[in-house]
Amino acid sequence: MLGQGCGKKVLARGPCAEVTRCTCGHIHLAMGPVTIRVEEEVLRAIGVTLAEAVQNLEGVEQSAPEDSEPAPSMQSPLFGGWKQ
């Protein structure tokens, strides 16, 4: 119907990004003129990756045991691969 769409709830807002959830369940990550629509699990994985990047920028060394498994990547079967 014309003029009707999803209602959005702001989950987080910062100086360069905003995260909203539509009433239909989609999560939107907006950074400047770019908006990425992701599933909740993908948003969580992005958050983990960004937190690790910030730690590495700050010079925090994370030593992992050699026999530990790497964290699942966005291309792993757990996340179903890259999605558009």
N, C-alpha and C. Protein backbone atom coordinates (compact mmCIF):
# COMPACT_ATOMS: atom_id res chain seq x y z
N MET A 1 0.84 -1.18 0.00
CA MET A 1 0.00 0.00 0.00
C MET A 1 0.88 1.23 0.00
N LEU A 2 0.44 2.22 -0.66
CA LEU A 2 1.19 3.45 -0.77
C LEU A 2 1.29 4.15 0.58
N GLY A 3 2.50 4.57 0.93
CA GLY A 3 2.71 5.32 2.17
C GLY A 3 2.90 4.47 3.40
N GLN A 4 2.76 3.16 3.26
CA GLN A 4 2.94 2.30 4.42
C GLN A 4 4.21 1.48 4.23
N GLY A 5 4.96 1.33 5.30
CA GLY A 5 6.18 0.55 5.24
C GLY A 5 6.53 0.05 6.62
N CYS A 6 7.73 -0.39 6.73
CA CYS A 6 8.19 -0.90 8.01
C CYS A 6 8.41 0.24 8.99
N GLY A 7 8.12 -0.01 10.25
CA GLY A 7 8.47 0.92 11.30
C GLY A 7 9.86 0.55 11.80
N LYS A 8 10.69 1.55 12.07
CA LYS A 8 12.05 1.26 12.50
C LYS A 8 12.26 1.70 13.94
N LYS A 9 13.02 0.88 14.69
CA LYS A 9 13.42 1.21 16.05
C LYS A 9 14.94 1.36 16.05
N VAL A 10 15.42 2.48 16.58
CA VAL A 10 16.86 2.70 16.64
C VAL A 10 17.44 1.84 17.77
N LEU A 11 18.41 0.99 17.43
CA LEU A 11 19.10 0.15 18.40
C LEU A 11 20.34 0.86 18.94
N ALA A 12 21.00 1.62 18.07
CA ALA A 12 22.21 2.36 18.46
C ALA A 12 22.45 3.46 17.44
N ARG A 13 23.01 4.56 17.94
CA ARG A 13 23.32 5.69 17.06
C ARG A 13 24.61 6.32 17.55
N GLY A 14 25.53 6.57 16.65
CA GLY A 14 26.79 7.22 16.97
C GLY A 14 27.07 8.31 15.96
N PRO A 15 28.25 8.93 16.06
CA PRO A 15 28.56 10.04 15.17
C PRO A 15 28.71 9.63 13.70
N CYS A 16 28.98 8.35 13.43
CA CYS A 16 29.17 7.95 12.03
C CYS A 16 28.38 6.70 11.63
N ALA A 17 27.54 6.19 12.51
CA ALA A 17 26.77 5.00 12.18
C ALA A 17 25.48 4.94 12.99
N GLU A 18 24.51 4.23 12.43
CA GLU A 18 23.24 4.01 13.11
C GLU A 18 22.78 2.59 12.81
N VAL A 19 22.23 1.91 13.81
CA VAL A 19 21.70 0.56 13.63
C VAL A 19 20.22 0.59 14.01
N THR A 20 19.38 0.14 13.09
CA THR A 20 17.94 0.11 13.34
C THR A 20 17.40 -1.28 13.03
N ARG A 21 16.25 -1.60 13.63
CA ARG A 21 15.54 -2.86 13.34
C ARG A 21 14.16 -2.50 12.83
N CYS A 22 13.83 -3.06 11.69
CA CYS A 22 12.49 -2.87 11.12
C CYS A 22 11.49 -3.76 11.86
N THR A 23 10.25 -3.40 11.80
CA THR A 23 9.21 -4.23 12.40
C THR A 23 9.12 -5.58 11.69
N CYS A 24 9.64 -5.66 10.45
CA CYS A 24 9.64 -6.94 9.72
C CYS A 24 10.84 -7.80 10.10
N GLY A 25 11.74 -7.28 10.98
CA GLY A 25 12.85 -8.08 11.47
C GLY A 25 14.20 -7.77 10.88
N HIS A 26 14.26 -7.06 9.78
CA HIS A 26 15.56 -6.74 9.19
C HIS A 26 16.32 -5.75 10.07
N ILE A 27 17.64 -5.89 10.09
CA ILE A 27 18.50 -4.96 10.80
C ILE A 27 19.28 -4.17 9.77
N HIS A 28 19.29 -2.85 9.93
CA HIS A 28 19.96 -1.96 8.99
C HIS A 28 21.13 -1.28 9.68
N LEU A 29 22.32 -1.42 9.09
CA LEU A 29 23.52 -0.76 9.57
C LEU A 29 23.81 0.36 8.58
N ALA A 30 23.60 1.60 9.01
CA ALA A 30 23.80 2.77 8.13
C ALA A 30 25.07 3.49 8.53
N MET A 31 25.95 3.70 7.54
CA MET A 31 27.19 4.43 7.74
C MET A 31 27.28 5.46 6.62
N GLY A 32 27.02 6.72 6.96
CA GLY A 32 27.02 7.75 5.93
C GLY A 32 25.96 7.44 4.88
N PRO A 33 26.34 7.47 3.60
CA PRO A 33 25.36 7.23 2.54
C PRO A 33 25.10 5.75 2.26
N VAL A 34 25.72 4.85 3.01
CA VAL A 34 25.60 3.41 2.75
C VAL A 34 24.80 2.75 3.86
N THR A 35 23.83 1.93 3.48
CA THR A 35 23.06 1.14 4.44
C THR A 35 23.19 -0.32 4.05
N ILE A 36 23.52 -1.15 5.04
CA ILE A 36 23.65 -2.58 4.83
C ILE A 36 22.56 -3.28 5.63
N ARG A 37 21.80 -4.14 4.99
CA ARG A 37 20.76 -4.92 5.67
C ARG A 37 21.34 -6.28 5.99
N VAL A 38 21.29 -6.67 7.27
CA VAL A 38 21.88 -7.93 7.71
C VAL A 38 20.93 -8.66 8.65
N GLU A 39 21.22 -9.94 8.84
CA GLU A 39 20.50 -10.72 9.84
C GLU A 39 21.16 -10.49 11.19
N GLU A 40 20.45 -10.81 12.26
CA GLU A 40 20.96 -10.57 13.61
C GLU A 40 22.29 -11.28 13.86
N GLU A 41 22.43 -12.53 13.41
CA GLU A 41 23.67 -13.26 13.63
C GLU A 41 24.84 -12.59 12.93
N VAL A 42 24.61 -12.04 11.75
CA VAL A 42 25.65 -11.37 11.00
C VAL A 42 26.04 -10.07 11.70
N LEU A 43 25.07 -9.33 12.23
CA LEU A 43 25.37 -8.11 12.98
C LEU A 43 26.25 -8.44 14.17
N ARG A 44 25.94 -9.52 14.88
CA ARG A 44 26.76 -9.92 16.03
C ARG A 44 28.19 -10.26 15.59
N ALA A 45 28.33 -10.98 14.48
CA ALA A 45 29.65 -11.33 13.97
C ALA A 45 30.44 -10.09 13.56
N ILE A 46 29.77 -9.13 12.94
CA ILE A 46 30.42 -7.87 12.57
C ILE A 46 30.90 -7.15 13.83
N GLY A 47 30.07 -7.16 14.87
CA GLY A 47 30.45 -6.52 16.13
C GLY A 47 31.70 -7.13 16.74
N VAL A 48 31.79 -8.45 16.70
CA VAL A 48 32.97 -9.15 17.23
C VAL A 48 34.20 -8.76 16.41
N THR A 49 34.07 -8.74 15.10
CA THR A 49 35.19 -8.40 14.23
C THR A 49 35.63 -6.96 14.45
N LEU A 50 34.70 -6.04 14.58
CA LEU A 50 35.04 -4.64 14.81
C LEU A 50 35.69 -4.45 16.18
N ALA A 51 35.20 -5.14 17.19
CA ALA A 51 35.81 -5.04 18.52
C ALA A 51 37.25 -5.54 18.49
N GLU A 52 37.50 -6.62 17.75
CA GLU A 52 38.86 -7.14 17.63
C GLU A 52 39.76 -6.14 16.90
N ALA A 53 39.23 -5.51 15.87
CA ALA A 53 40.01 -4.52 15.13
C ALA A 53 40.38 -3.34 16.02
N VAL A 54 39.45 -2.87 16.83
CA VAL A 54 39.72 -1.76 17.74
C VAL A 54 40.79 -2.15 18.75
N GLN A 55 40.72 -3.35 19.28
CA GLN A 55 41.74 -3.83 20.22
C GLN A 55 43.11 -3.84 19.55
N ASN A 56 43.16 -4.30 18.32
CA ASN A 56 44.44 -4.36 17.61
C ASN A 56 44.96 -2.96 17.30
N LEU A 57 44.08 -2.02 17.04
CA LEU A 57 44.50 -0.64 16.82
C LEU A 57 45.13 -0.06 18.08
N GLU A 58 44.60 -0.46 19.21
CA GLU A 58 45.09 0.05 20.49
C GLU A 58 46.34 -0.70 20.96
N GLY A 59 46.82 -1.65 20.18
CA GLY A 59 48.03 -2.38 20.53
C GLY A 59 47.83 -3.50 21.52
N VAL A 60 46.60 -3.90 21.75
CA VAL A 60 46.34 -5.01 22.66
C VAL A 60 46.63 -6.31 21.92
N GLU A 61 47.56 -7.06 22.46
CA GLU A 61 47.93 -8.34 21.86
C GLU A 61 47.02 -9.43 22.41
N GLN A 62 46.45 -10.19 21.54
CA GLN A 62 45.63 -11.33 21.97
C GLN A 62 46.39 -12.59 21.60
N SER A 63 46.84 -13.30 22.61
CA SER A 63 47.56 -14.55 22.34
C SER A 63 46.58 -15.71 22.45
N ALA A 64 46.45 -16.43 21.36
CA ALA A 64 45.56 -17.58 21.33
C ALA A 64 46.41 -18.84 21.33
N PRO A 65 45.99 -19.87 22.03
CA PRO A 65 46.72 -21.13 21.99
C PRO A 65 46.78 -21.65 20.55
N GLU A 66 47.87 -22.29 20.20
CA GLU A 66 48.06 -22.76 18.84
C GLU A 66 47.01 -23.79 18.41
N ASP A 67 46.46 -24.52 19.36
CA ASP A 67 45.50 -25.56 19.01
C ASP A 67 44.06 -25.06 19.05
N SER A 68 43.86 -23.77 19.29
CA SER A 68 42.49 -23.26 19.32
C SER A 68 41.98 -23.06 17.90
N GLU A 69 40.67 -23.17 17.76
CA GLU A 69 40.05 -22.99 16.44
C GLU A 69 39.80 -21.52 16.20
N PRO A 70 39.95 -21.07 14.95
CA PRO A 70 39.65 -19.67 14.65
C PRO A 70 38.15 -19.40 14.75
N ALA A 71 37.81 -18.16 14.97
CA ALA A 71 36.40 -17.78 15.03
C ALA A 71 35.78 -18.02 13.66
N PRO A 72 34.48 -18.35 13.61
CA PRO A 72 33.84 -18.59 12.31
C PRO A 72 33.84 -17.32 11.48
N SER A 73 34.08 -17.47 10.20
CA SER A 73 34.07 -16.31 9.31
C SER A 73 32.67 -16.13 8.74
N MET A 74 32.47 -14.99 8.12
CA MET A 74 31.15 -14.70 7.53
C MET A 74 30.85 -15.68 6.38
N GLN A 75 31.89 -16.32 5.84
CA GLN A 75 31.68 -17.24 4.74
C GLN A 75 31.50 -18.68 5.21
N SER A 76 31.53 -18.89 6.52
CA SER A 76 31.40 -20.23 7.05
C SER A 76 29.95 -20.72 6.92
N PRO A 77 29.74 -22.02 6.93
CA PRO A 77 28.38 -22.56 6.85
C PRO A 77 27.48 -22.06 7.98
N LEU A 78 28.09 -21.69 9.13
CA LEU A 78 27.30 -21.19 10.26
C LEU A 78 26.49 -19.96 9.87
N PHE A 79 27.08 -19.11 9.02
CA PHE A 79 26.40 -17.87 8.62
C PHE A 79 25.79 -17.97 7.23
N GLY A 80 25.92 -19.09 6.57
CA GLY A 80 25.29 -19.27 5.27
C GLY A 80 26.00 -18.55 4.14
N GLY A 81 27.20 -18.07 4.34
CA GLY A 81 27.93 -17.38 3.28
C GLY A 81 27.51 -15.93 3.17
N TRP A 82 28.15 -15.24 2.24
CA TRP A 82 27.83 -13.83 2.03
C TRP A 82 26.44 -13.69 1.47
N LYS A 83 25.74 -12.66 1.90
CA LYS A 83 24.38 -12.42 1.41
C LYS A 83 24.28 -11.00 0.91
N GLN A 84 23.46 -10.82 -0.09
CA GLN A 84 23.22 -9.46 -0.60
C GLN A 84 21.92 -8.94 -0.10
